[in-house]
Protein backbone atom coordinates (compact mmCIF):
# COMPACT_ATOMS: atom_id res chain seq x y z
CA MET A 1 60.56 -43.48 -6.94
CA ARG A 2 58.74 -40.36 -8.06
CA LEU A 3 58.81 -39.63 -4.07
CA GLY A 4 62.58 -39.74 -3.83
CA VAL A 5 63.55 -37.55 -7.17
CA GLY A 6 61.10 -35.34 -5.72
CA ALA A 7 62.58 -34.97 -2.15
CA ALA A 8 65.94 -34.69 -3.68
CA LEU A 9 64.91 -31.90 -5.91
CA LEU A 10 63.46 -30.10 -3.21
CA VAL A 11 66.46 -30.33 -0.81
CA ALA A 12 68.61 -29.27 -3.85
CA VAL A 13 66.53 -26.24 -4.07
CA ALA A 14 66.86 -25.17 -0.51
CA ILE A 15 70.48 -25.82 -0.18
CA ALA A 16 71.23 -23.34 -3.35
CA ALA A 17 68.56 -20.91 -2.15
CA ILE A 18 70.39 -21.13 1.48
CA VAL A 19 74.08 -20.44 -0.30
CA LEU A 20 72.90 -17.97 -2.81
CA GLY A 21 71.04 -16.00 0.20
CA ARG A 22 74.34 -16.01 2.48
CA GLN A 23 76.61 -14.26 -0.74
CA PRO A 24 77.19 -10.73 0.10
CA ASP A 25 76.56 -7.69 -1.67
CA TYR A 26 79.40 -6.86 -3.66
CA ARG A 27 80.48 -2.97 -4.26
CA VAL A 28 83.15 -1.39 -5.96
CA LEU A 29 86.62 -0.82 -4.22
CA PHE A 30 88.55 0.78 -7.09
CA ALA A 31 87.77 1.73 -10.70
CA ASN A 32 89.65 2.95 -13.56
CA LEU A 33 92.57 1.11 -12.62
CA ASN A 34 95.73 0.45 -14.53
CA ASP A 35 97.13 -2.92 -14.89
CA LYS A 36 100.20 -2.27 -12.88
CA ASP A 37 97.96 -0.81 -9.99
CA GLY A 38 95.14 -3.66 -10.61
CA GLY A 39 97.86 -6.42 -10.14
CA ALA A 40 99.05 -4.77 -6.96
CA ILE A 41 95.38 -4.38 -5.34
CA VAL A 42 94.66 -8.00 -6.37
CA ALA A 43 97.97 -9.15 -4.81
CA GLN A 44 97.26 -7.76 -1.72
CA LEU A 45 93.70 -8.68 -1.45
CA SER A 46 94.75 -12.20 -1.75
CA GLN A 47 97.07 -11.71 0.96
CA MET A 48 94.58 -10.17 3.37
CA ASN A 49 91.92 -13.14 2.26
CA VAL A 50 89.52 -11.12 0.82
CA PRO A 51 87.12 -12.23 -1.75
CA TYR A 52 87.24 -9.90 -4.74
CA LYS A 53 85.65 -9.59 -8.31
CA HIS A 54 86.50 -7.99 -11.75
CA ALA A 55 83.73 -5.75 -13.64
CA ASP A 56 84.35 -3.62 -16.73
CA GLY A 57 86.88 -5.43 -18.38
CA GLY A 58 88.95 -5.62 -15.38
CA GLY A 59 88.77 -1.99 -14.84
CA ALA A 60 86.86 -2.22 -11.65
CA ILE A 61 87.41 -4.44 -8.51
CA LEU A 62 84.32 -5.52 -6.53
CA ILE A 63 84.68 -6.58 -2.89
CA PRO A 64 81.91 -7.12 -0.06
CA ALA A 65 80.12 -4.09 0.97
CA ASP A 66 80.61 -4.43 4.39
CA ARG A 67 84.44 -4.62 4.03
CA VAL A 68 84.95 -1.69 1.56
CA HIS A 69 85.86 0.96 3.92
CA ASP A 70 88.47 -1.36 6.16
CA VAL A 71 89.83 -2.58 2.77
CA ARG A 72 90.31 1.05 1.36
CA LEU A 73 92.04 2.14 4.80
CA ARG A 74 94.42 -0.62 4.57
CA LEU A 75 95.39 -0.46 0.85
CA ALA A 76 95.85 3.44 1.92
CA THR A 77 98.84 2.59 4.54
CA GLN A 78 100.56 0.70 2.08
CA GLY A 79 100.33 3.59 -0.83
CA LEU A 80 97.68 1.45 -2.91
CA PRO A 81 96.73 2.76 -5.42
CA LYS A 82 100.06 4.23 -6.64
CA GLY A 83 98.85 5.42 -9.90
CA SER A 84 100.63 5.08 -13.17
CA VAL A 85 103.07 8.07 -12.13
CA ALA A 86 106.05 6.95 -9.99
CA GLY A 87 107.92 9.21 -7.90
CA PHE A 88 110.88 8.87 -5.42
CA GLU A 89 110.00 5.59 -4.89
CA LEU A 90 112.04 4.96 -7.65
CA MET A 91 115.45 5.42 -5.82
CA GLU A 92 114.66 2.89 -3.35
CA SER A 93 114.99 0.22 -5.78
CA SER A 94 118.65 1.16 -6.47
CA LYS A 95 120.86 -1.68 -8.24
CA PHE A 96 124.44 -2.49 -7.34
CA GLY A 97 126.99 -0.92 -9.87
CA MET A 98 124.27 1.83 -11.09
CA THR A 99 126.67 4.54 -12.72
CA GLN A 100 126.28 8.51 -11.87
CA PHE A 101 124.10 9.21 -15.13
CA GLN A 102 121.37 6.40 -13.90
CA GLU A 103 121.01 7.74 -10.61
CA ARG A 104 120.70 11.08 -11.72
CA LEU A 105 117.95 9.93 -14.31
CA ASN A 106 116.45 7.94 -11.61
CA PHE A 107 116.47 11.50 -9.60
CA GLN A 108 115.03 13.43 -12.43
CA ARG A 109 112.18 10.94 -13.35
CA GLY A 110 111.42 10.98 -9.78
CA LEU A 111 111.00 14.18 -9.35
CA GLU A 112 108.99 14.92 -12.27
CA GLY A 113 106.56 12.03 -10.94
CA GLU A 114 106.22 14.00 -7.56
CA LEU A 115 105.43 17.19 -9.24
CA THR A 116 102.92 15.37 -11.22
CA ARG A 117 101.00 14.09 -8.22
CA SER A 118 101.13 17.55 -6.80
CA ILE A 119 99.50 18.95 -9.92
CA GLN A 120 97.05 15.92 -10.21
CA ALA A 121 95.87 16.96 -6.84
CA LEU A 122 94.21 20.11 -8.15
CA SER A 123 90.32 19.97 -8.68
CA SER A 124 90.37 20.98 -11.94
CA VAL A 125 93.37 19.02 -13.14
CA GLN A 126 92.58 15.29 -14.58
CA GLY A 127 95.73 14.61 -15.75
CA ALA A 128 99.41 16.01 -15.99
CA ARG A 129 103.27 15.36 -17.36
CA VAL A 130 105.91 17.39 -16.24
CA HIS A 131 109.08 17.50 -18.33
CA LEU A 132 112.40 19.02 -16.68
CA ALA A 133 115.36 20.10 -18.36
CA LEU A 134 118.29 19.87 -16.15
CA PRO A 135 121.75 20.42 -17.48
CA ASN A 136 124.94 19.12 -15.87
CA GLN A 137 126.49 21.82 -13.85
CA ASN A 138 130.56 22.03 -14.75
CA GLY A 139 132.60 24.11 -12.67
CA PHE A 140 134.91 24.83 -15.92
CA PHE A 141 132.29 26.61 -17.67
CA ARG A 142 132.02 30.19 -17.18
CA GLU A 143 128.16 30.71 -17.95
CA GLN A 144 126.29 27.79 -16.35
CA GLN A 145 122.81 26.87 -18.46
CA LYS A 146 120.03 27.30 -16.29
CA PRO A 147 117.19 24.59 -15.92
CA SER A 148 113.75 24.57 -17.81
CA ALA A 149 110.30 22.77 -17.33
CA SER A 150 107.16 22.20 -19.29
CA VAL A 151 103.95 21.13 -17.96
CA LEU A 152 101.21 19.40 -20.06
CA VAL A 153 97.68 19.36 -18.10
CA SER A 154 94.68 17.99 -18.94
CA LEU A 155 91.53 19.48 -17.26
CA HIS A 156 88.21 18.28 -16.37
CA PRO A 157 85.21 18.93 -18.95
CA GLY A 158 84.05 22.14 -18.06
CA ARG A 159 86.89 23.68 -15.73
CA ILE A 160 89.49 26.11 -16.59
CA LEU A 161 92.69 27.46 -14.93
CA ASP A 162 92.57 30.82 -13.95
CA ARG A 163 95.32 33.38 -13.46
CA ALA A 164 96.16 32.48 -9.98
CA GLN A 165 95.82 28.75 -10.51
CA LEU A 166 98.30 29.12 -13.21
CA ALA A 167 100.80 31.17 -11.41
CA GLY A 168 100.78 28.62 -8.46
CA ILE A 169 101.39 25.54 -10.73
CA VAL A 170 104.28 27.86 -12.26
CA HIS A 171 105.56 28.71 -8.57
CA LEU A 172 105.20 25.13 -7.47
CA VAL A 173 107.42 23.96 -10.55
CA ALA A 174 110.05 26.47 -10.23
CA SER A 175 110.15 25.96 -5.90
CA SER A 176 110.95 22.44 -6.50
CA VAL A 177 114.09 22.83 -8.89
CA PRO A 178 116.88 24.72 -7.67
CA GLU A 179 118.00 27.57 -9.79
CA LEU A 180 114.81 27.55 -11.98
CA SER A 181 113.19 30.85 -13.02
CA PRO A 182 109.31 31.09 -12.93
CA SER A 183 109.68 32.53 -16.54
CA ALA A 184 111.50 29.49 -18.07
CA VAL A 185 108.26 27.48 -16.75
CA SER A 186 105.87 26.94 -19.70
CA VAL A 187 102.45 25.31 -19.13
CA LEU A 188 100.25 24.11 -22.05
CA ASP A 189 96.84 22.54 -22.17
CA ASP A 190 95.80 19.25 -23.94
CA THR A 191 94.91 21.43 -26.68
CA GLY A 192 98.53 22.79 -27.11
CA LYS A 193 97.45 26.22 -26.04
CA LEU A 194 99.89 27.77 -24.07
CA LEU A 195 98.56 29.10 -20.50
CA SER A 196 101.27 30.53 -19.10
CA GLN A 197 103.02 33.80 -20.25
CA SER A 198 106.22 35.63 -20.08
CA PRO A 199 106.56 38.92 -18.76
CA ASP A 200 107.57 40.14 -22.27
CA THR A 201 104.42 38.60 -23.28
CA ALA A 202 102.10 39.39 -20.98
CA SER A 203 103.38 43.17 -21.50
CA GLY A 204 102.17 43.45 -24.71
CA ASN A 205 99.34 44.93 -26.72
CA GLY A 206 97.08 41.50 -26.78
CA VAL A 207 94.18 40.66 -24.69
CA ASP A 208 94.95 38.08 -22.02
CA ALA A 209 92.64 35.74 -20.05
CA GLN A 210 92.63 37.83 -16.91
CA GLN A 211 90.91 40.68 -19.02
CA LEU A 212 88.38 38.56 -20.88
CA LEU A 213 87.40 37.31 -17.48
CA TYR A 214 87.27 41.11 -16.27
CA VAL A 215 84.34 41.60 -19.22
CA GLN A 216 82.64 38.41 -18.31
CA GLN A 217 82.31 39.39 -15.13
CA ILE A 218 81.03 42.89 -15.94
CA GLU A 219 78.64 41.41 -18.16
CA GLN A 220 76.85 38.76 -15.94
CA GLN A 221 76.93 41.86 -13.11
CA TYR A 222 74.53 43.45 -15.40
CA THR A 223 72.51 40.92 -16.72
CA ARG A 224 71.98 39.50 -13.19
CA ARG A 225 70.71 43.51 -12.30
CA ILE A 226 68.30 43.42 -15.34
CA LEU A 227 66.72 39.92 -14.27
CA ASP A 228 66.59 41.06 -10.52
CA ILE A 229 64.69 44.11 -11.78
CA LEU A 230 62.31 42.57 -13.92
CA GLU A 231 61.85 38.94 -12.64
CA PRO A 232 59.08 40.11 -9.82
CA VAL A 233 57.42 42.07 -12.45
CA VAL A 234 56.86 39.66 -15.23
CA GLY A 235 57.58 36.65 -13.40
CA ARG A 236 60.64 34.13 -13.42
CA ASN A 237 61.67 32.30 -16.47
CA ASN A 238 59.70 35.13 -18.24
CA VAL A 239 62.71 37.43 -19.05
CA LYS A 240 66.03 36.93 -20.63
CA ALA A 241 68.79 39.51 -21.13
CA GLN A 242 72.32 40.03 -22.40
CA VAL A 243 74.58 42.42 -21.80
CA THR A 244 77.72 43.52 -24.24
CA ALA A 245 80.30 45.65 -22.71
CA GLU A 246 83.22 47.57 -24.19
CA VAL A 247 86.10 47.59 -22.02
CA ASP A 248 89.16 49.73 -22.78
CA PHE A 249 92.00 48.44 -21.76
CA THR A 250 94.90 50.80 -23.18
CA GLN A 251 97.05 52.62 -21.08
CA THR A 252 97.83 55.99 -21.80
CA GLU A 253 100.87 58.31 -19.92
CA SER A 254 100.90 62.17 -20.96
CA THR A 255 103.19 64.71 -19.85
CA SER A 256 103.08 68.37 -20.24
CA GLU A 257 105.52 71.41 -19.37
CA GLN A 258 104.36 75.04 -18.87
CA HIS A 259 106.19 78.20 -18.57
CA ARG A 260 104.53 81.24 -17.06
CA PRO A 261 105.29 84.61 -18.60
CA ASN A 262 108.00 86.95 -16.81
CA LEU A 263 106.91 88.82 -13.84
CA ALA A 264 107.79 91.98 -12.09
CA THR A 265 110.75 92.29 -10.13
CA ASP A 266 108.95 92.28 -6.74
CA ALA A 267 106.83 89.19 -7.69
CA SER A 268 109.64 87.20 -8.83
CA ALA A 269 111.71 85.08 -6.61
CA ILE A 270 115.32 85.58 -6.86
CA ARG A 271 117.75 82.19 -7.38
CA SER A 272 121.20 84.24 -7.16
CA GLN A 273 122.49 87.78 -6.89
CA GLN A 274 126.03 89.09 -7.70
CA ILE A 275 126.87 92.46 -7.33
CA VAL A 276 130.83 93.96 -8.20
CA GLU A 277 131.65 97.52 -7.49
CA SER A 278 135.04 99.18 -8.80
CA ALA A 279 136.76 103.01 -8.20
CA GLY A 280 138.85 104.58 -10.18
CA PRO A 281 140.78 108.22 -9.75
CA GLN A 282 138.77 111.18 -9.62
CA GLY A 283 138.44 113.73 -12.72
CA ASN A 284 137.92 113.17 -16.30
CA PRO A 285 138.79 109.72 -17.47
CA LEU A 286 141.09 109.22 -20.13
CA PRO A 287 139.76 108.10 -23.54
CA THR A 288 140.12 104.58 -24.01
CA GLY A 289 139.72 102.24 -26.76
CA VAL A 290 140.73 102.84 -30.66
CA PRO A 291 140.74 106.11 -31.80
CA GLY A 292 137.74 107.19 -33.60
CA ALA A 293 134.22 108.78 -33.50
CA THR A 294 132.64 105.60 -32.49
CA THR A 295 135.08 105.44 -29.33
CA ASN A 296 134.68 109.15 -28.52
CA GLN A 297 130.53 108.50 -27.89
CA PRO A 298 128.93 107.14 -25.02
CA PRO A 299 127.05 103.73 -25.27
CA ALA A 300 123.32 103.97 -26.01
CA PRO A 301 120.57 103.14 -23.37
CA SER A 302 118.68 99.44 -23.80
CA THR A 303 115.63 99.20 -25.62
CA ALA A 304 114.18 96.18 -23.82
CA PRO A 305 113.74 95.93 -20.17
CA ILE A 306 114.70 92.97 -18.32
CA ASN A 307 111.35 91.58 -16.24
CA GLY A 308 110.11 94.61 -16.17
CA ALA A 309 112.78 96.61 -14.28
CA ASN A 310 113.86 100.06 -14.87
CA PRO A 311 116.98 100.32 -17.15
CA PRO A 312 119.97 100.89 -15.92
CA PRO A 313 120.96 104.59 -15.79
CA THR A 314 123.21 105.44 -18.78
CA ALA A 315 127.21 106.88 -18.29
CA ALA A 316 125.66 110.42 -19.37
CA GLY A 317 123.37 110.31 -16.48
CA GLN A 318 125.85 108.99 -14.09
CA GLN A 319 128.14 111.94 -15.07
CA ALA A 320 125.09 114.27 -14.85
CA GLN A 321 125.09 113.33 -10.79
CA GLY A 322 128.56 114.61 -10.45
CA THR A 323 132.18 114.22 -11.08
CA GLN A 324 132.73 111.72 -8.52
CA ALA A 325 130.98 108.95 -10.17
CA VAL A 326 133.74 109.23 -13.02
CA GLY A 327 135.94 106.28 -13.01
CA SER A 328 133.67 104.23 -10.62
CA LYS A 329 132.35 100.90 -11.98
CA ARG A 330 129.25 98.74 -10.64
CA GLU A 331 128.35 95.24 -12.16
CA SER A 332 125.04 93.69 -10.92
CA ILE A 333 123.82 90.21 -11.76
CA THR A 334 120.39 88.71 -10.63
CA ASN A 335 119.14 85.61 -11.40
CA TYR A 336 115.58 85.00 -11.14
CA GLU A 337 113.52 81.87 -11.11
CA VAL A 338 111.25 80.78 -13.82
CA ASP A 339 108.26 79.76 -13.29
CA LYS A 340 107.66 76.02 -14.54
CA THR A 341 104.89 73.22 -14.56
CA VAL A 342 105.22 69.46 -15.16
CA ARG A 343 102.07 67.44 -15.39
CA VAL A 344 101.92 63.50 -15.76
CA THR A 345 98.52 62.27 -16.43
CA ARG A 346 98.43 58.26 -16.46
CA GLY A 347 94.80 56.65 -17.90
CA GLY A 348 93.50 53.97 -16.16
CA SER A 349 93.18 50.14 -17.62
CA GLY A 350 89.74 48.84 -17.86
CA ALA A 351 87.42 52.00 -18.72
CA LEU A 352 84.23 50.86 -19.56
CA LYS A 353 83.61 52.77 -23.06
CA ARG A 354 79.96 51.41 -23.98
CA VAL A 355 77.46 49.13 -23.06
CA SER A 356 74.50 47.64 -24.93
CA ALA A 357 71.61 45.74 -23.23
CA ALA A 358 69.14 43.28 -25.07
CA VAL A 359 66.07 42.03 -23.12
CA VAL A 360 63.23 40.09 -24.01
CA VAL A 361 59.98 39.83 -22.17
CA ASN A 362 57.10 37.18 -22.73
CA TYR A 363 53.71 38.00 -23.14
CA GLN A 364 51.63 38.11 -20.35
CA SER A 365 49.47 35.15 -18.85
CA THR A 366 45.90 35.94 -17.89
CA GLU A 367 42.90 33.82 -17.11
CA ASP A 368 39.89 34.40 -19.26
CA LYS A 369 36.87 31.90 -18.61
CA GLY A 370 39.13 29.30 -16.98
CA LYS A 371 41.83 29.13 -20.13
CA THR A 372 45.20 30.88 -19.95
CA VAL A 373 45.17 33.52 -22.51
CA THR A 374 48.58 35.59 -23.33
CA LYS A 375 48.58 39.07 -24.62
CA ALA A 376 51.35 41.61 -25.32
CA LEU A 377 52.52 44.21 -23.24
CA THR A 378 51.01 47.75 -23.45
CA PRO A 379 53.23 50.43 -24.70
CA GLU A 380 53.35 52.06 -21.39
CA GLN A 381 54.49 49.09 -19.72
CA LEU A 382 57.59 48.50 -22.24
CA GLU A 383 58.28 52.11 -21.77
CA GLN A 384 58.67 51.56 -17.90
CA MET A 385 60.63 48.57 -18.27
CA THR A 386 62.84 50.14 -20.60
CA ALA A 387 63.60 53.15 -18.42
CA LEU A 388 64.27 50.39 -15.29
CA VAL A 389 67.00 48.61 -17.82
CA ARG A 390 68.40 52.12 -18.46
CA GLU A 391 68.42 53.09 -14.68
CA THR A 392 70.01 49.67 -13.92
CA ILE A 393 72.98 49.67 -16.09
CA GLY A 394 73.88 53.44 -15.84
CA PHE A 395 72.40 54.15 -19.07
CA ASN A 396 74.96 57.33 -20.62
CA ARG A 397 73.72 58.50 -23.85
CA ASP A 398 77.10 60.35 -24.27
CA ARG A 399 78.92 57.28 -23.84
CA GLY A 400 76.68 55.49 -26.97
CA ASP A 401 75.21 53.08 -24.93
CA SER A 402 71.71 51.13 -26.27
CA VAL A 403 69.18 49.39 -24.67
CA ASN A 404 67.00 47.31 -26.82
CA LEU A 405 63.79 45.83 -25.19
CA MET A 406 61.11 43.20 -27.04
CA ASN A 407 58.04 41.89 -25.99
CA THR A 408 57.35 38.64 -27.76
CA PRO A 409 55.81 34.85 -26.72
CA PHE A 410 58.41 32.33 -25.75
CA GLN A 411 58.29 29.32 -27.91
CA VAL A 412 57.97 26.20 -25.29
CA ALA A 413 59.72 23.23 -26.77
CA VAL A 414 57.26 20.40 -26.29
CA THR A 415 59.16 17.00 -25.99
CA PRO A 416 57.42 14.20 -27.13
CA THR A 417 56.34 11.52 -24.34
CA THR A 418 57.13 8.03 -25.24
CA ASP A 419 55.16 5.69 -22.96
CA VAL A 420 57.71 3.05 -22.34
CA PRO A 421 55.87 0.01 -21.33
CA LEU A 422 55.98 -1.36 -17.88
CA TRP A 423 58.19 -4.33 -18.55
CA LYS A 424 60.37 -1.89 -20.09
CA GLN A 425 60.91 0.59 -17.25
CA PRO A 426 64.46 0.42 -15.55
CA GLU A 427 62.70 0.01 -12.01
CA VAL A 428 60.92 -2.85 -13.11
CA ILE A 429 63.55 -4.34 -14.60
CA ASP A 430 65.83 -3.94 -11.48
CA LEU A 431 62.94 -5.39 -9.18
CA ALA A 432 62.60 -8.43 -11.58
CA LYS A 433 66.19 -9.10 -11.30
CA THR A 434 66.03 -8.82 -7.78
CA PHE A 435 63.28 -11.20 -6.96
CA ALA A 436 64.00 -13.69 -10.15
CA TRP A 437 65.82 -16.22 -8.18
CA PRO A 438 63.67 -16.07 -5.06
CA VAL A 439 60.56 -16.57 -7.28
CA GLY A 440 62.01 -18.63 -9.49
CA ALA A 441 63.00 -21.11 -6.97
CA VAL A 442 59.78 -21.05 -5.24
CA LEU A 443 57.97 -21.95 -8.66
CA PHE A 444 60.80 -24.61 -9.08
CA ALA A 445 59.93 -26.03 -5.78
CA ALA A 446 55.98 -25.89 -6.23
CA LEU A 447 56.35 -27.63 -9.66
CA VAL A 448 58.58 -30.48 -8.16
CA LEU A 449 55.99 -30.66 -5.47
CA MET A 450 52.86 -30.89 -7.70
CA GLY A 451 54.32 -32.89 -10.32
CA LEU A 452 56.26 -35.61 -8.28
CA VAL A 453 55.78 -35.33 -4.65
CA ARG A 454 52.09 -35.16 -4.72
CA PRO A 455 51.26 -37.90 -7.04
CA ALA A 456 53.22 -40.34 -5.50
CA LEU A 457 51.84 -39.43 -2.13
CA LYS A 458 48.38 -39.84 -3.30
CA GLY A 459 49.18 -43.38 -5.45
CA GLY A 460 50.35 -44.78 -2.45
CA ALA A 461 47.56 -43.63 -0.38
CA ALA A 462 44.98 -45.04 -2.87
CA THR A 463 41.82 -46.48 -1.91
CA LYS A 464 40.09 -49.61 -3.07
CA PRO A 465 37.77 -49.29 -6.12
CA ARG A 466 34.13 -48.75 -5.00
CA ALA A 467 30.93 -49.67 -7.25
CA ILE A 468 29.11 -47.02 -8.59
CA PRO A 469 25.33 -48.10 -9.04
CA VAL A 470 23.88 -47.62 -12.32
CA ALA A 471 20.63 -48.42 -14.27
CA GLY A 472 20.69 -51.90 -15.82
CA GLY A 473 23.76 -52.86 -13.48
CA GLN A 474 26.78 -51.77 -11.44
CA LEU A 475 29.80 -49.90 -12.93
CA ASP A 476 33.04 -50.01 -10.90
CA ALA A 477 35.09 -47.35 -10.88
CA VAL A 478 38.25 -46.01 -8.86
CA GLU A 479 38.22 -42.21 -7.80
CA SER A 480 41.90 -42.08 -6.66
CA GLU A 481 42.11 -38.40 -6.54
CA THR A 482 38.35 -37.76 -5.11
CA PRO A 483 37.85 -40.92 -2.84
CA GLU A 484 35.38 -39.04 -0.85
CA ARG A 485 32.98 -37.85 -3.70
CA PRO A 486 29.82 -40.16 -4.13
CA ALA A 487 28.85 -41.64 -7.73
CA LEU A 488 25.63 -40.01 -9.02
CA PRO A 489 22.98 -42.45 -9.76
CA ALA A 490 22.03 -43.29 -13.41
CA PRO A 491 19.58 -40.82 -14.88
CA ALA A 492 16.01 -42.82 -15.84
CA LYS A 493 14.90 -43.21 -19.19
CA LYS A 494 11.97 -41.63 -20.66
CA ASN A 495 9.81 -42.31 -23.60
CA GLU A 496 11.42 -45.74 -24.23
CA VAL A 497 10.07 -47.14 -27.49
CA LEU A 498 11.73 -50.10 -28.81
CA PRO A 499 13.15 -52.47 -26.04
CA ALA A 500 16.78 -52.22 -25.78
CA THR A 501 19.76 -54.91 -24.80
CA PRO A 502 21.43 -55.26 -21.73
CA GLU A 503 24.73 -54.10 -23.87
CA GLN A 504 22.97 -50.98 -25.14
CA LEU A 505 21.72 -50.12 -22.07
CA ARG A 506 25.21 -50.11 -20.41
CA LEU A 507 26.67 -48.14 -23.08
CA GLU A 508 23.88 -45.84 -22.83
CA ASP A 509 24.36 -45.32 -19.16
CA ALA A 510 28.23 -45.01 -19.62
CA ARG A 511 27.59 -41.59 -22.16
CA VAL A 512 25.09 -40.30 -19.58
CA LEU A 513 27.59 -40.72 -16.54
CA ALA A 514 30.64 -39.42 -18.94
CA LYS A 515 28.20 -36.37 -19.50
CA GLU A 516 26.91 -35.93 -15.75
CA ASN A 517 30.37 -36.88 -13.91
CA PRO A 518 33.44 -36.46 -16.15
CA VAL A 519 35.58 -36.72 -13.14
CA ALA A 520 34.67 -40.23 -12.44
CA VAL A 521 35.19 -41.41 -15.95
CA ALA A 522 38.46 -39.66 -16.03
CA ASN A 523 39.62 -41.53 -12.88
CA ILE A 524 38.73 -44.86 -14.54
CA LEU A 525 40.51 -44.30 -17.64
CA LYS A 526 43.19 -43.70 -15.64
CA THR A 527 43.04 -46.35 -13.75
CA TRP A 528 43.09 -48.62 -16.50
CA LEU A 529 45.72 -46.67 -18.58
CA ASN A 530 48.04 -47.08 -15.15
CA GLY A 531 47.45 -51.20 -15.35
CA ASP A 532 45.72 -50.95 -11.80
CA PRO A 533 43.01 -53.52 -11.24
CA VAL A 534 39.55 -52.66 -11.15
């Protein structure tokens, strides 16, 4: 009976070990799936006769490790997983009797889905949503309403979108919708902050993200220069530096117009000249004008010369030259160029106004009698390092630059190390899980073998009882477990005073035998308890 039960248990353990040993190692096929994609993938795996398991509450699907890549490629040819965003595949499930409004709505939904997929393909974007406002185009309207779009992006932790990427998203959306202007596309992040700016907003006086990025680049460049010049002197991780840069992004434009003073006639440029001459009859001219004393007087000469030229001859001078000039008239009009200088000056944007550098240097470590001792740097060393930092950042005292270098010991944060017991370490736990089933199966098989099979085999092959000689008689015992072990003779009695009865002698011999050969006594008692004849 015992032999049969033991054999059956051993066979069961062997079969379980073979079955469990043949089970393949499961790996993750897809993770973080929504219900729609998960159901479609499970249905496809059932058609492909691929075993699968669920993990993480159904969010991940596991299949045998040797079929992961093959199944992924085969599912990719069928467009799985599609994701939670539906694209133009909505147009494939068109129903009979669909109205024009429903067709236009499905087209808009499909276009939004395709744009969402394209934006999510960016490495910095974790999720996106696109909303399109497509107005109805009517030929009876004189002014048609233009479409607009809004994009909501969710970025990965620690990622940002620079100006080029934002411009790419805006251009992608504007190019995908007819008659959509890039200025009508708004891009927001998951915190509600407007990332895209219209031309009117970008031309304002505010500082945009590109300017802040420019300042950060300048500060990082100066910091890297300081570390590169000081780390070879004091050692790595023994110097810390921070640089603050003030940048002027204001744009100025000035226009100046200068006029030079009047020059001499020979040094001036003539723009135009007009001469008019007229001659009258010879003789004294008749007086003309209103009768009176003023009319009979010759005109007075001009007091201010023009362009430094000689004054024109007066009428009296002309009459003094002869009577032939009487009655002639000569007019000369000369226009000279006026010197003019127009200067337009535009100030560049992004000029560096001021630079401030703060540097902290650790104490110097030295060896003294086998011990590490830290000591402060000398004033000469600090002055040399300060001079190096000033030359590195291009120190300008007139600009207001400042450099502050400090020498102090660094505080080393000592994290308390907790000794994790061996049986709580993750490596040991994983190793125990790996060998739990094989070791358990071996121990169970050994227990069945030692507890059921071996006693049954020894019980069937037990020998006849053998007599063990003792003093005063013979004591029969059956040694079922150690048949080859000889019985020890009974010890001899010493200093016997009173004569003992045969029963007392036998009892004393049994006691001595139990002390000197307890195995034989135990076998005898076991035989008695089992009911076997002695």
